[in-house]
C-alpha cells in the first residue's frame, strides 16, 4: 500500500478534517507538522485567512492533493474496503444525500463559521485586526443555517440519514473551534437537535484522536 503523508497543522480545518477521515478509514499515515503561526508571519494580513488552509498538502504515493473534501472522497474511493464503509455511502442514493449535505457544509456552513473562527480565535493570536461587522453578519448567517440543520436533525439522526457520514464529519473542525475557542458556543448549544448532533459527532474516538494531535505542542524552529 502506498504511504500517505499529511503536511500541515492539526489546528487547520483542512488538515483536521482529513486526519479525522483517515482515522475513521483506519488508514496508516505520517503527519509532518507545519507550524501554522510561524508559517503565517510573512503573509500579508488580508491573505492570512486563505493562507491558513493553503499551508496543507496531502500525498498518497504519487498523488498530491490540497483540498480536504476532495481528499476524503479520494480516500473513500481508493480505500473502499477499509474502516467505516458507510462514510461516503454504498449506493447512488446514499451518496447523493451525503453530497447534498456536504455541499451545504461547504457553501453555507463553512463561510460564516470560518469567518467567526478566524476573527475570534486566530486573529488575536496573529495580531490581525478583527472585523467586528463581519463577525456580526457571520453570526446571523450561521444561526439561520443552523435553524435549517435543526429542522433536518429533528427528522434523522445525522444529516444524510441514520448513519454518521462525511457530511457530518466535515463540520467537526469549525464547529469545534466555535464551541471551544470562541464565546459563540451558544450558536450550536441553543438548538436542541443541533446540540444533540454535535455531542454525538464530537465524542467519536476518531475526532478525539485529532484533538489529541491538536493539543500537542507545535514543532520548534531549527
N, C-alpha and C. Protein backbone atom coordinates (compact mmCIF):
# COMPACT_ATOMS: atom_id res chain seq x y z
N UNK A 1 0.84 -1.20 0.00
CA UNK A 1 0.00 0.00 0.00
C UNK A 1 0.88 1.25 0.00
N UNK A 2 0.49 2.23 -0.84
CA UNK A 2 1.26 3.46 -0.91
C UNK A 2 1.21 4.20 0.42
N UNK A 3 2.32 4.81 0.79
CA UNK A 3 2.35 5.55 2.05
C UNK A 3 1.62 6.86 1.89
N UNK A 4 0.94 7.29 2.96
CA UNK A 4 0.20 8.55 2.98
C UNK A 4 0.92 9.52 3.89
N UNK A 5 1.18 10.71 3.39
CA UNK A 5 1.79 11.78 4.17
C UNK A 5 0.85 12.98 4.20
N UNK A 6 0.69 13.56 5.37
CA UNK A 6 -0.12 14.77 5.54
C UNK A 6 0.80 15.86 6.07
N UNK A 7 0.93 16.94 5.31
CA UNK A 7 1.77 18.07 5.69
C UNK A 7 0.87 19.22 6.14
N UNK A 8 1.00 19.65 7.39
CA UNK A 8 0.19 20.77 7.86
C UNK A 8 0.04 20.74 9.36
N UNK A 9 -0.77 21.66 9.87
CA UNK A 9 -1.03 21.75 11.30
C UNK A 9 -2.41 21.19 11.63
N UNK A 10 -2.53 20.34 12.65
CA UNK A 10 -3.84 19.80 13.04
C UNK A 10 -4.83 20.88 13.47
N UNK A 11 -4.36 22.09 13.76
CA UNK A 11 -5.27 23.17 14.12
C UNK A 11 -6.01 23.73 12.90
N UNK A 12 -5.52 23.42 11.70
CA UNK A 12 -6.18 23.84 10.47
C UNK A 12 -7.40 22.98 10.22
N UNK A 13 -8.49 23.60 9.78
CA UNK A 13 -9.71 22.85 9.48
C UNK A 13 -9.47 21.84 8.36
N UNK A 14 -8.71 22.23 7.33
CA UNK A 14 -8.44 21.33 6.22
C UNK A 14 -7.69 20.09 6.70
N UNK A 15 -6.68 20.30 7.51
CA UNK A 15 -5.87 19.18 7.98
C UNK A 15 -6.65 18.29 8.93
N UNK A 16 -7.34 18.88 9.90
CA UNK A 16 -8.04 18.06 10.89
C UNK A 16 -9.21 17.30 10.27
N UNK A 17 -9.83 17.85 9.23
CA UNK A 17 -10.90 17.12 8.53
C UNK A 17 -10.33 15.84 7.91
N UNK A 18 -9.18 15.95 7.26
CA UNK A 18 -8.56 14.78 6.62
C UNK A 18 -8.06 13.79 7.67
N UNK A 19 -7.48 14.28 8.75
CA UNK A 19 -7.00 13.38 9.80
C UNK A 19 -8.14 12.56 10.39
N UNK A 20 -9.27 13.23 10.67
CA UNK A 20 -10.43 12.51 11.21
C UNK A 20 -10.90 11.44 10.25
N UNK A 21 -10.88 11.75 8.96
CA UNK A 21 -11.33 10.79 7.96
C UNK A 21 -10.37 9.61 7.86
N UNK A 22 -9.07 9.90 7.91
CA UNK A 22 -8.08 8.82 7.87
C UNK A 22 -8.24 7.88 9.07
N UNK A 23 -8.50 8.44 10.23
CA UNK A 23 -8.72 7.61 11.42
C UNK A 23 -9.96 6.75 11.25
N UNK A 24 -11.04 7.33 10.72
CA UNK A 24 -12.27 6.55 10.53
C UNK A 24 -12.08 5.43 9.50
N UNK A 25 -11.25 5.69 8.49
CA UNK A 25 -11.00 4.68 7.47
C UNK A 25 -9.86 3.73 7.85
N UNK A 26 -9.28 3.96 9.02
CA UNK A 26 -8.21 3.09 9.55
C UNK A 26 -7.02 3.02 8.59
N UNK A 27 -6.68 4.19 8.02
CA UNK A 27 -5.51 4.30 7.15
C UNK A 27 -4.28 4.67 7.97
N UNK A 28 -3.17 4.04 7.68
CA UNK A 28 -1.91 4.45 8.28
C UNK A 28 -1.40 5.67 7.52
N UNK A 29 -0.83 6.62 8.24
CA UNK A 29 -0.30 7.82 7.61
C UNK A 29 0.77 8.44 8.49
N UNK A 30 1.53 9.35 7.89
CA UNK A 30 2.51 10.12 8.65
C UNK A 30 2.12 11.59 8.60
N UNK A 31 2.05 12.23 9.76
CA UNK A 31 1.76 13.65 9.84
C UNK A 31 3.08 14.41 9.95
N UNK A 32 3.34 15.27 8.98
CA UNK A 32 4.52 16.14 9.02
C UNK A 32 4.02 17.53 9.36
N UNK A 33 4.26 17.94 10.58
CA UNK A 33 3.67 19.18 11.08
C UNK A 33 4.33 20.41 10.47
N UNK A 34 3.47 21.38 10.12
CA UNK A 34 3.90 22.71 9.74
C UNK A 34 3.34 23.66 10.77
N UNK A 35 4.20 24.44 11.40
CA UNK A 35 3.75 25.36 12.43
C UNK A 35 2.90 26.45 11.79
N UNK A 36 1.60 26.40 12.04
CA UNK A 36 0.66 27.32 11.42
C UNK A 36 1.01 28.78 11.69
N UNK A 37 1.32 29.11 12.94
CA UNK A 37 1.52 30.51 13.30
C UNK A 37 2.79 31.07 12.68
N UNK A 38 3.91 30.34 12.81
CA UNK A 38 5.15 30.83 12.22
C UNK A 38 5.07 30.84 10.70
N UNK A 39 4.30 29.90 10.15
CA UNK A 39 4.15 29.87 8.70
C UNK A 39 3.39 31.06 8.15
N UNK A 40 2.64 31.76 9.00
CA UNK A 40 1.85 32.90 8.54
C UNK A 40 2.51 34.25 8.80
N UNK A 41 3.65 34.23 9.45
CA UNK A 41 4.23 35.51 9.88
C UNK A 41 4.54 36.45 8.72
N UNK A 42 4.90 35.91 7.55
CA UNK A 42 5.28 36.77 6.43
C UNK A 42 4.16 36.93 5.41
N UNK A 43 2.97 36.44 5.75
CA UNK A 43 1.83 36.57 4.84
C UNK A 43 1.11 37.89 5.14
N UNK A 44 0.83 38.72 4.11
CA UNK A 44 0.09 39.98 4.34
C UNK A 44 -1.24 39.71 5.02
N UNK A 45 -1.64 40.62 5.90
CA UNK A 45 -2.85 40.43 6.70
C UNK A 45 -4.08 40.04 5.88
N UNK A 46 -4.39 40.68 4.76
CA UNK A 46 -5.61 40.32 4.02
C UNK A 46 -5.60 38.89 3.49
N UNK A 47 -4.43 38.28 3.40
CA UNK A 47 -4.33 36.93 2.83
C UNK A 47 -4.20 35.85 3.89
N UNK A 48 -4.16 36.24 5.16
CA UNK A 48 -3.90 35.24 6.20
C UNK A 48 -5.00 34.20 6.30
N UNK A 49 -6.26 34.59 6.11
CA UNK A 49 -7.36 33.62 6.20
C UNK A 49 -7.21 32.54 5.14
N UNK A 50 -6.89 32.94 3.89
CA UNK A 50 -6.69 31.96 2.84
C UNK A 50 -5.44 31.13 3.10
N UNK A 51 -4.42 31.74 3.65
CA UNK A 51 -3.15 31.04 3.87
C UNK A 51 -3.27 29.95 4.92
N UNK A 52 -4.21 30.10 5.87
CA UNK A 52 -4.40 29.09 6.90
C UNK A 52 -4.70 27.74 6.26
N UNK A 53 -5.54 27.74 5.24
CA UNK A 53 -5.88 26.48 4.59
C UNK A 53 -4.87 26.11 3.52
N UNK A 54 -4.09 27.07 3.02
CA UNK A 54 -3.12 26.78 1.96
C UNK A 54 -1.91 26.03 2.50
N UNK A 55 -1.61 26.17 3.79
CA UNK A 55 -0.45 25.50 4.38
C UNK A 55 -0.76 24.03 4.64
N UNK A 56 -1.07 23.31 3.56
CA UNK A 56 -1.54 21.94 3.70
C UNK A 56 -1.33 21.18 2.41
N UNK A 57 -0.75 19.98 2.52
CA UNK A 57 -0.57 19.11 1.36
C UNK A 57 -0.79 17.67 1.78
N UNK A 58 -1.45 16.93 0.92
CA UNK A 58 -1.71 15.50 1.14
C UNK A 58 -1.04 14.71 0.03
N UNK A 59 -0.26 13.72 0.41
CA UNK A 59 0.42 12.87 -0.56
C UNK A 59 0.02 11.42 -0.34
N UNK A 60 -0.41 10.77 -1.42
CA UNK A 60 -0.73 9.35 -1.39
C UNK A 60 0.03 8.73 -2.56
N UNK A 61 1.22 8.21 -2.26
CA UNK A 61 2.09 7.74 -3.34
C UNK A 61 2.47 8.92 -4.22
N UNK A 62 2.13 8.86 -5.51
CA UNK A 62 2.46 9.93 -6.44
C UNK A 62 1.32 10.94 -6.58
N UNK A 63 0.24 10.73 -5.84
CA UNK A 63 -0.90 11.64 -5.90
C UNK A 63 -0.76 12.74 -4.86
N UNK A 64 -0.89 13.99 -5.28
CA UNK A 64 -0.81 15.14 -4.38
C UNK A 64 -2.10 15.95 -4.49
N UNK A 65 -2.74 16.22 -3.35
CA UNK A 65 -3.98 16.97 -3.31
C UNK A 65 -3.89 18.02 -2.20
N UNK A 66 -4.72 19.07 -2.29
CA UNK A 66 -4.67 20.13 -1.29
C UNK A 66 -6.04 20.55 -0.76
N UNK A 67 -7.14 19.97 -1.28
CA UNK A 67 -8.48 20.35 -0.81
C UNK A 67 -9.06 19.19 -0.02
N UNK A 68 -9.44 19.46 1.23
CA UNK A 68 -9.72 18.38 2.17
C UNK A 68 -10.93 17.53 1.78
N UNK A 69 -12.00 18.13 1.27
CA UNK A 69 -13.17 17.33 0.92
C UNK A 69 -12.88 16.41 -0.25
N UNK A 70 -12.12 16.92 -1.23
CA UNK A 70 -11.71 16.08 -2.36
C UNK A 70 -10.81 14.95 -1.89
N UNK A 71 -9.97 15.23 -0.91
CA UNK A 71 -9.09 14.20 -0.36
C UNK A 71 -9.91 13.10 0.30
N UNK A 72 -10.93 13.48 1.05
CA UNK A 72 -11.78 12.49 1.71
C UNK A 72 -12.50 11.63 0.68
N UNK A 73 -12.95 12.24 -0.41
CA UNK A 73 -13.59 11.47 -1.47
C UNK A 73 -12.59 10.48 -2.09
N UNK A 74 -11.37 10.95 -2.31
CA UNK A 74 -10.31 10.09 -2.85
C UNK A 74 -10.05 8.90 -1.93
N UNK A 75 -9.95 9.16 -0.63
CA UNK A 75 -9.71 8.09 0.33
C UNK A 75 -10.84 7.08 0.29
N UNK A 76 -12.08 7.58 0.20
CA UNK A 76 -13.24 6.69 0.16
C UNK A 76 -13.21 5.77 -1.04
N UNK A 77 -12.84 6.31 -2.20
CA UNK A 77 -12.82 5.52 -3.43
C UNK A 77 -11.66 4.53 -3.42
N UNK A 78 -10.48 5.00 -3.06
CA UNK A 78 -9.28 4.15 -3.15
C UNK A 78 -9.25 3.09 -2.06
N UNK A 79 -9.76 3.44 -0.87
CA UNK A 79 -9.70 2.52 0.26
C UNK A 79 -11.11 2.13 0.70
N UNK A 80 -11.94 1.79 -0.27
CA UNK A 80 -13.35 1.49 0.00
C UNK A 80 -13.53 0.32 0.95
N UNK A 81 -12.58 -0.60 0.98
CA UNK A 81 -12.73 -1.80 1.80
C UNK A 81 -12.17 -1.64 3.21
N UNK A 82 -11.71 -0.45 3.55
CA UNK A 82 -11.10 -0.23 4.86
C UNK A 82 -12.03 0.54 5.79
N UNK A 83 -11.89 0.30 7.10
CA UNK A 83 -12.56 1.09 8.12
C UNK A 83 -14.07 1.19 7.95
N UNK A 84 -14.59 2.35 8.30
CA UNK A 84 -16.02 2.62 8.20
C UNK A 84 -16.44 2.73 6.73
N UNK A 85 -17.22 1.78 6.27
CA UNK A 85 -17.58 1.72 4.84
C UNK A 85 -18.82 2.55 4.51
N UNK A 86 -19.43 3.18 5.51
CA UNK A 86 -20.64 3.97 5.28
C UNK A 86 -20.36 5.47 5.17
N UNK A 87 -19.11 5.86 5.33
CA UNK A 87 -18.80 7.28 5.39
C UNK A 87 -19.17 8.04 4.12
N UNK A 88 -19.08 7.38 2.98
CA UNK A 88 -19.40 8.05 1.72
C UNK A 88 -20.53 7.33 1.00
N UNK A 89 -21.29 6.52 1.71
CA UNK A 89 -22.45 5.86 1.14
C UNK A 89 -22.11 4.61 0.35
N UNK A 90 -23.11 3.76 0.21
CA UNK A 90 -22.90 2.50 -0.50
C UNK A 90 -23.58 2.45 -1.86
N UNK A 91 -24.52 3.31 -2.11
CA UNK A 91 -25.22 3.34 -3.39
C UNK A 91 -25.39 4.76 -3.87
N UNK A 92 -25.98 4.93 -5.05
CA UNK A 92 -26.11 6.26 -5.63
C UNK A 92 -27.00 7.18 -4.79
N UNK A 93 -28.08 6.64 -4.21
CA UNK A 93 -28.97 7.48 -3.42
C UNK A 93 -28.29 7.93 -2.13
N UNK A 94 -27.65 7.00 -1.44
CA UNK A 94 -26.94 7.36 -0.20
C UNK A 94 -25.87 8.41 -0.49
N UNK A 95 -25.14 8.20 -1.56
CA UNK A 95 -24.07 9.16 -1.88
C UNK A 95 -24.64 10.51 -2.27
N UNK A 96 -25.76 10.52 -2.97
CA UNK A 96 -26.38 11.79 -3.35
C UNK A 96 -26.81 12.59 -2.11
N UNK A 97 -27.37 11.89 -1.11
CA UNK A 97 -27.77 12.57 0.12
C UNK A 97 -26.56 13.11 0.87
N UNK A 98 -25.48 12.33 0.90
CA UNK A 98 -24.26 12.79 1.55
C UNK A 98 -23.70 14.01 0.84
N UNK A 99 -23.66 13.95 -0.50
CA UNK A 99 -23.14 15.07 -1.28
C UNK A 99 -24.01 16.32 -1.09
N UNK A 100 -25.30 16.13 -0.97
CA UNK A 100 -26.20 17.27 -0.76
C UNK A 100 -25.83 18.03 0.50
N UNK A 101 -25.59 17.30 1.59
CA UNK A 101 -25.25 17.95 2.86
C UNK A 101 -23.79 18.34 2.94
N UNK A 102 -22.94 17.65 2.19
CA UNK A 102 -21.54 18.07 2.12
C UNK A 102 -21.43 19.40 1.38
N UNK A 103 -22.24 19.57 0.35
CA UNK A 103 -22.28 20.84 -0.35
C UNK A 103 -22.85 21.94 0.54
N UNK A 104 -23.82 21.59 1.37
CA UNK A 104 -24.38 22.57 2.31
C UNK A 104 -23.30 23.02 3.29
N UNK A 105 -22.51 22.06 3.76
CA UNK A 105 -21.42 22.40 4.68
C UNK A 105 -20.44 23.36 4.01
N UNK A 106 -20.04 23.03 2.78
CA UNK A 106 -19.02 23.82 2.09
C UNK A 106 -19.52 25.21 1.71
N UNK A 107 -20.76 25.29 1.27
CA UNK A 107 -21.25 26.56 0.70
C UNK A 107 -22.03 27.43 1.68
N UNK A 108 -22.64 26.83 2.71
CA UNK A 108 -23.45 27.65 3.62
C UNK A 108 -22.93 27.65 5.05
N UNK A 109 -22.39 26.53 5.54
CA UNK A 109 -21.88 26.47 6.90
C UNK A 109 -20.45 26.99 6.99
N UNK A 110 -19.61 26.59 6.05
CA UNK A 110 -18.19 26.93 6.14
C UNK A 110 -17.89 28.43 6.06
N UNK A 111 -18.48 29.19 5.12
CA UNK A 111 -18.11 30.61 5.04
C UNK A 111 -18.33 31.40 6.34
N UNK A 112 -19.53 31.38 6.94
CA UNK A 112 -19.69 32.14 8.18
C UNK A 112 -18.93 31.54 9.35
N UNK A 113 -18.84 30.22 9.43
CA UNK A 113 -18.14 29.62 10.56
C UNK A 113 -16.64 29.88 10.46
N UNK A 114 -16.09 29.83 9.24
CA UNK A 114 -14.66 30.12 9.06
C UNK A 114 -14.34 31.57 9.43
N UNK A 115 -15.23 32.47 9.05
CA UNK A 115 -15.02 33.88 9.40
C UNK A 115 -15.03 34.07 10.91
N UNK A 116 -15.96 33.42 11.60
CA UNK A 116 -16.01 33.53 13.06
C UNK A 116 -14.76 32.94 13.70
N UNK A 117 -14.35 31.78 13.22
CA UNK A 117 -13.17 31.13 13.79
C UNK A 117 -11.94 31.99 13.58
N UNK A 118 -11.78 32.51 12.38
CA UNK A 118 -10.59 33.32 12.12
C UNK A 118 -10.56 34.59 12.96
N UNK A 119 -11.66 35.35 12.95
CA UNK A 119 -11.64 36.65 13.61
C UNK A 119 -11.74 36.56 15.13
N UNK A 120 -12.33 35.49 15.65
CA UNK A 120 -12.48 35.37 17.10
C UNK A 120 -11.42 34.48 17.74
N UNK A 121 -10.92 33.49 17.01
CA UNK A 121 -9.96 32.55 17.59
C UNK A 121 -8.53 32.78 17.12
N UNK A 122 -8.34 33.11 15.84
CA UNK A 122 -6.99 33.23 15.28
C UNK A 122 -6.47 34.65 15.21
N UNK A 123 -7.32 35.59 14.84
CA UNK A 123 -6.86 36.97 14.62
C UNK A 123 -6.13 37.56 15.83
N UNK A 124 -6.63 37.38 17.08
CA UNK A 124 -5.91 37.96 18.21
C UNK A 124 -4.49 37.39 18.35
N UNK A 125 -4.32 36.12 18.08
CA UNK A 125 -3.00 35.48 18.17
C UNK A 125 -2.07 35.98 17.07
N UNK A 126 -2.63 36.26 15.90
CA UNK A 126 -1.83 36.69 14.76
C UNK A 126 -1.67 38.21 14.68
N UNK A 127 -2.23 38.91 15.67
CA UNK A 127 -2.17 40.38 15.68
C UNK A 127 -2.81 40.99 14.43
N UNK A 128 -3.92 40.40 14.02
CA UNK A 128 -4.69 40.89 12.87
C UNK A 128 -5.94 41.58 13.40
N UNK A 129 -6.31 42.69 12.77
CA UNK A 129 -7.50 43.44 13.20
C UNK A 129 -8.75 42.60 13.01
N UNK A 130 -9.56 42.53 14.04
CA UNK A 130 -10.83 41.79 13.95
C UNK A 130 -11.87 42.65 13.22
N UNK A 131 -12.55 42.04 12.28
CA UNK A 131 -13.63 42.72 11.55
C UNK A 131 -14.93 42.40 12.28
N UNK A 132 -15.32 43.28 13.19
CA UNK A 132 -16.48 43.01 14.03
C UNK A 132 -17.79 43.06 13.26
N UNK A 133 -17.84 43.87 12.19
CA UNK A 133 -19.05 43.87 11.35
C UNK A 133 -19.22 42.52 10.68
N UNK A 134 -18.11 41.96 10.19
CA UNK A 134 -18.17 40.63 9.56
C UNK A 134 -18.54 39.58 10.59
N UNK A 135 -18.04 39.72 11.80
CA UNK A 135 -18.39 38.79 12.87
C UNK A 135 -19.89 38.79 13.12
N UNK A 136 -20.48 39.98 13.21
CA UNK A 136 -21.93 40.07 13.46
C UNK A 136 -22.73 39.47 12.30
N UNK A 137 -22.33 39.77 11.08
CA UNK A 137 -23.04 39.22 9.92
C UNK A 137 -22.90 37.70 9.89
N UNK A 138 -21.72 37.21 10.20
CA UNK A 138 -21.47 35.77 10.17
C UNK A 138 -22.26 35.05 11.25
N UNK A 139 -22.39 35.65 12.42
CA UNK A 139 -23.20 35.06 13.49
C UNK A 139 -24.65 34.92 13.05
N UNK A 140 -25.19 35.98 12.44
CA UNK A 140 -26.58 35.93 12.00
C UNK A 140 -26.78 34.89 10.90
N UNK A 141 -25.85 34.86 9.95
CA UNK A 141 -25.94 33.89 8.86
C UNK A 141 -25.85 32.47 9.37
N UNK A 142 -24.88 32.23 10.26
CA UNK A 142 -24.69 30.87 10.77
C UNK A 142 -25.90 30.42 11.59
N UNK A 143 -26.48 31.32 12.34
CA UNK A 143 -27.67 30.98 13.11
C UNK A 143 -28.81 30.55 12.20
N UNK A 144 -28.97 31.23 11.07
CA UNK A 144 -30.01 30.87 10.11
C UNK A 144 -29.72 29.51 9.48
N UNK A 145 -28.45 29.25 9.16
CA UNK A 145 -28.07 27.95 8.60
C UNK A 145 -28.38 26.84 9.60
N UNK A 146 -28.04 27.07 10.86
CA UNK A 146 -28.25 26.04 11.87
C UNK A 146 -29.72 25.83 12.19
N UNK A 147 -30.55 26.83 11.93
CA UNK A 147 -32.00 26.62 12.05
C UNK A 147 -32.47 25.56 11.05
N UNK A 148 -31.93 25.62 9.84
CA UNK A 148 -32.25 24.62 8.82
C UNK A 148 -31.73 23.24 9.26
N UNK A 149 -30.52 23.22 9.79
CA UNK A 149 -29.94 21.97 10.28
C UNK A 149 -30.79 21.40 11.41
N UNK A 150 -31.26 22.26 12.29
CA UNK A 150 -32.03 21.80 13.43
C UNK A 150 -33.31 21.10 12.98
N UNK A 151 -33.94 21.65 11.96
CA UNK A 151 -35.15 21.02 11.42
C UNK A 151 -34.82 19.66 10.82
N UNK A 152 -33.75 19.62 10.03
CA UNK A 152 -33.35 18.35 9.42
C UNK A 152 -33.01 17.31 10.48
N UNK A 153 -32.28 17.71 11.51
CA UNK A 153 -31.84 16.77 12.54
C UNK A 153 -32.98 16.36 13.48
N UNK A 154 -34.11 17.00 13.33
CA UNK A 154 -35.30 16.53 14.03
C UNK A 154 -35.98 15.40 13.28
N UNK A 155 -35.55 15.19 12.02
CA UNK A 155 -36.13 14.14 11.17
C UNK A 155 -35.23 12.91 11.07
N UNK A 156 -33.93 13.08 11.28
CA UNK A 156 -32.99 11.96 11.17
C UNK A 156 -31.86 12.13 12.18
N UNK A 157 -31.19 11.04 12.48
CA UNK A 157 -30.12 11.06 13.48
C UNK A 157 -28.95 11.92 13.03
N UNK A 158 -28.61 11.81 11.74
CA UNK A 158 -27.50 12.57 11.18
C UNK A 158 -27.99 13.30 9.94
N UNK A 159 -27.14 14.12 9.36
CA UNK A 159 -27.58 14.98 8.27
C UNK A 159 -28.05 14.21 7.03
N UNK A 160 -27.33 13.15 6.67
CA UNK A 160 -27.68 12.41 5.46
C UNK A 160 -28.52 11.18 5.74
N UNK A 161 -28.96 10.99 6.98
CA UNK A 161 -29.77 9.83 7.32
C UNK A 161 -29.47 9.32 8.71
N UNK A 162 -29.52 8.02 8.87
CA UNK A 162 -29.36 7.42 10.20
C UNK A 162 -27.93 7.01 10.51
N UNK A 163 -27.02 7.20 9.56
CA UNK A 163 -25.62 6.84 9.76
C UNK A 163 -24.72 8.07 9.74
N UNK A 164 -23.67 8.05 10.54
CA UNK A 164 -22.63 9.07 10.53
C UNK A 164 -21.86 8.98 9.22
N UNK A 165 -21.71 10.12 8.52
CA UNK A 165 -21.04 10.12 7.22
C UNK A 165 -20.09 11.31 7.11
N UNK A 166 -19.47 11.39 5.93
CA UNK A 166 -18.58 12.52 5.65
C UNK A 166 -19.31 13.85 5.79
N UNK A 167 -20.61 13.87 5.52
CA UNK A 167 -21.39 15.11 5.65
C UNK A 167 -21.33 15.65 7.08
N UNK A 168 -21.39 14.75 8.05
CA UNK A 168 -21.30 15.16 9.46
C UNK A 168 -19.86 15.47 9.84
N UNK A 169 -18.96 14.57 9.48
CA UNK A 169 -17.55 14.72 9.85
C UNK A 169 -16.98 16.04 9.37
N UNK A 170 -17.39 16.47 8.20
CA UNK A 170 -16.81 17.68 7.61
C UNK A 170 -17.09 18.93 8.44
N UNK A 171 -18.13 18.90 9.28
CA UNK A 171 -18.45 20.04 10.13
C UNK A 171 -17.59 20.13 11.38
N UNK A 172 -16.90 19.06 11.73
CA UNK A 172 -16.22 18.99 13.02
C UNK A 172 -15.18 20.09 13.27
N UNK A 173 -14.27 20.39 12.33
CA UNK A 173 -13.20 21.35 12.64
C UNK A 173 -13.70 22.73 13.06
N UNK A 174 -14.55 23.36 12.24
CA UNK A 174 -15.01 24.70 12.58
C UNK A 174 -15.96 24.70 13.76
N UNK A 175 -16.83 23.68 13.84
CA UNK A 175 -17.74 23.62 14.98
C UNK A 175 -16.97 23.47 16.28
N UNK A 176 -15.89 22.69 16.25
CA UNK A 176 -15.07 22.53 17.45
C UNK A 176 -14.50 23.87 17.90
N UNK A 177 -13.96 24.65 16.96
CA UNK A 177 -13.39 25.95 17.32
C UNK A 177 -14.47 26.89 17.86
N UNK A 178 -15.65 26.87 17.25
CA UNK A 178 -16.72 27.75 17.72
C UNK A 178 -17.11 27.40 19.16
N UNK A 179 -17.19 26.11 19.46
CA UNK A 179 -17.58 25.67 20.80
C UNK A 179 -16.47 25.91 21.82
N UNK A 180 -15.22 25.67 21.43
CA UNK A 180 -14.13 25.66 22.41
C UNK A 180 -13.18 26.86 22.34
N UNK A 181 -13.19 27.61 21.23
CA UNK A 181 -12.21 28.69 21.08
C UNK A 181 -12.83 30.06 20.93
N UNK A 182 -14.16 30.16 20.98
CA UNK A 182 -14.84 31.45 20.92
C UNK A 182 -15.90 31.50 22.01
N UNK A 183 -16.55 32.65 22.12
CA UNK A 183 -17.66 32.80 23.07
C UNK A 183 -19.01 32.60 22.40
N UNK A 184 -18.99 32.03 21.19
CA UNK A 184 -20.23 31.88 20.42
C UNK A 184 -20.76 30.45 20.44
N UNK A 185 -20.37 29.66 21.44
CA UNK A 185 -20.78 28.26 21.51
C UNK A 185 -22.30 28.10 21.54
N UNK A 186 -23.01 29.15 22.00
CA UNK A 186 -24.47 29.06 22.10
C UNK A 186 -25.14 28.94 20.74
N UNK A 187 -24.43 29.32 19.66
CA UNK A 187 -24.99 29.15 18.33
C UNK A 187 -25.33 27.69 18.07
N UNK A 188 -24.54 26.80 18.63
CA UNK A 188 -24.76 25.36 18.47
C UNK A 188 -25.56 24.79 19.64
N UNK A 189 -25.19 25.16 20.83
CA UNK A 189 -25.80 24.56 22.02
C UNK A 189 -27.26 24.96 22.20
N UNK A 190 -27.66 26.11 21.68
CA UNK A 190 -29.02 26.60 21.91
C UNK A 190 -30.07 25.90 21.05
N UNK A 191 -29.65 25.18 20.05
CA UNK A 191 -30.57 24.50 19.14
C UNK A 191 -30.60 23.02 19.51
N UNK A 192 -31.75 22.53 19.96
CA UNK A 192 -31.88 21.22 20.57
C UNK A 192 -31.31 20.09 19.72
N UNK A 193 -31.72 20.01 18.47
CA UNK A 193 -31.29 18.90 17.63
C UNK A 193 -29.84 19.05 17.18
N UNK A 194 -29.43 20.30 16.91
CA UNK A 194 -28.03 20.53 16.55
C UNK A 194 -27.12 20.20 17.73
N UNK A 195 -27.53 20.57 18.93
CA UNK A 195 -26.74 20.27 20.12
C UNK A 195 -26.60 18.76 20.33
N UNK A 196 -27.70 18.03 20.16
CA UNK A 196 -27.65 16.57 20.29
C UNK A 196 -26.71 15.98 19.26
N UNK A 197 -26.82 16.46 18.02
CA UNK A 197 -25.95 16.00 16.92
C UNK A 197 -24.49 16.31 17.20
N UNK A 198 -24.23 17.53 17.69
CA UNK A 198 -22.85 17.91 17.98
C UNK A 198 -22.23 17.00 19.05
N UNK A 199 -22.96 16.71 20.09
CA UNK A 199 -22.45 15.81 21.13
C UNK A 199 -22.15 14.44 20.55
N UNK A 200 -23.00 13.97 19.64
CA UNK A 200 -22.81 12.64 19.05
C UNK A 200 -21.57 12.59 18.16
N UNK A 201 -21.35 13.61 17.32
CA UNK A 201 -20.23 13.54 16.38
C UNK A 201 -18.91 13.93 17.02
N UNK A 202 -18.94 14.83 17.99
CA UNK A 202 -17.69 15.30 18.58
C UNK A 202 -17.11 14.34 19.61
N UNK A 203 -17.89 13.40 20.08
CA UNK A 203 -17.40 12.44 21.07
C UNK A 203 -16.95 11.12 20.46
N UNK A 204 -16.86 11.08 19.14
CA UNK A 204 -16.37 9.88 18.48
C UNK A 204 -14.86 9.74 18.70
N UNK A 205 -14.37 8.51 18.91
CA UNK A 205 -12.94 8.30 19.17
C UNK A 205 -12.04 8.87 18.09
N UNK A 206 -12.46 8.81 16.83
CA UNK A 206 -11.61 9.32 15.75
C UNK A 206 -11.38 10.82 15.90
N UNK A 207 -12.41 11.58 16.29
CA UNK A 207 -12.23 13.03 16.48
C UNK A 207 -11.42 13.31 17.73
N UNK A 208 -11.59 12.52 18.76
CA UNK A 208 -10.80 12.72 19.97
C UNK A 208 -9.31 12.50 19.69
N UNK A 209 -8.99 11.61 18.77
CA UNK A 209 -7.59 11.41 18.40
C UNK A 209 -7.05 12.64 17.68
N UNK A 210 -7.89 13.28 16.88
CA UNK A 210 -7.47 14.52 16.22
C UNK A 210 -7.22 15.61 17.26
N UNK A 211 -8.09 15.71 18.25
CA UNK A 211 -7.92 16.71 19.31
C UNK A 211 -6.62 16.48 20.06
N UNK A 212 -6.28 15.23 20.29
CA UNK A 212 -5.00 14.92 20.94
C UNK A 212 -3.84 15.45 20.10
N UNK A 213 -3.91 15.29 18.79
CA UNK A 213 -2.86 15.81 17.92
C UNK A 213 -2.84 17.34 17.95
N UNK A 214 -4.02 17.94 18.00
CA UNK A 214 -4.10 19.41 18.06
C UNK A 214 -3.43 19.94 19.33
N UNK A 215 -3.58 19.20 20.42
CA UNK A 215 -3.09 19.68 21.71
C UNK A 215 -1.60 19.45 21.92
N UNK A 216 -0.99 18.69 21.02
CA UNK A 216 0.45 18.52 21.12
C UNK A 216 1.14 19.83 20.77
N UNK A 217 2.27 20.15 21.42
CA UNK A 217 2.97 21.42 21.12
C UNK A 217 3.47 21.44 19.69
N UNK A 218 3.47 22.62 19.04
CA UNK A 218 3.99 22.71 17.67
C UNK A 218 5.49 22.46 17.63
N UNK A 219 6.04 22.09 16.48
CA UNK A 219 7.48 21.83 16.40
C UNK A 219 8.29 23.09 16.64
N UNK A 220 9.45 22.93 17.21
CA UNK A 220 10.35 24.07 17.43
C UNK A 220 11.11 24.38 16.16
N UNK A 221 11.29 25.67 15.92
CA UNK A 221 12.03 26.08 14.74
C UNK A 221 13.51 25.76 14.94
N UNK A 222 14.15 25.31 13.88
CA UNK A 222 15.58 24.97 13.96
C UNK A 222 16.40 26.24 14.13
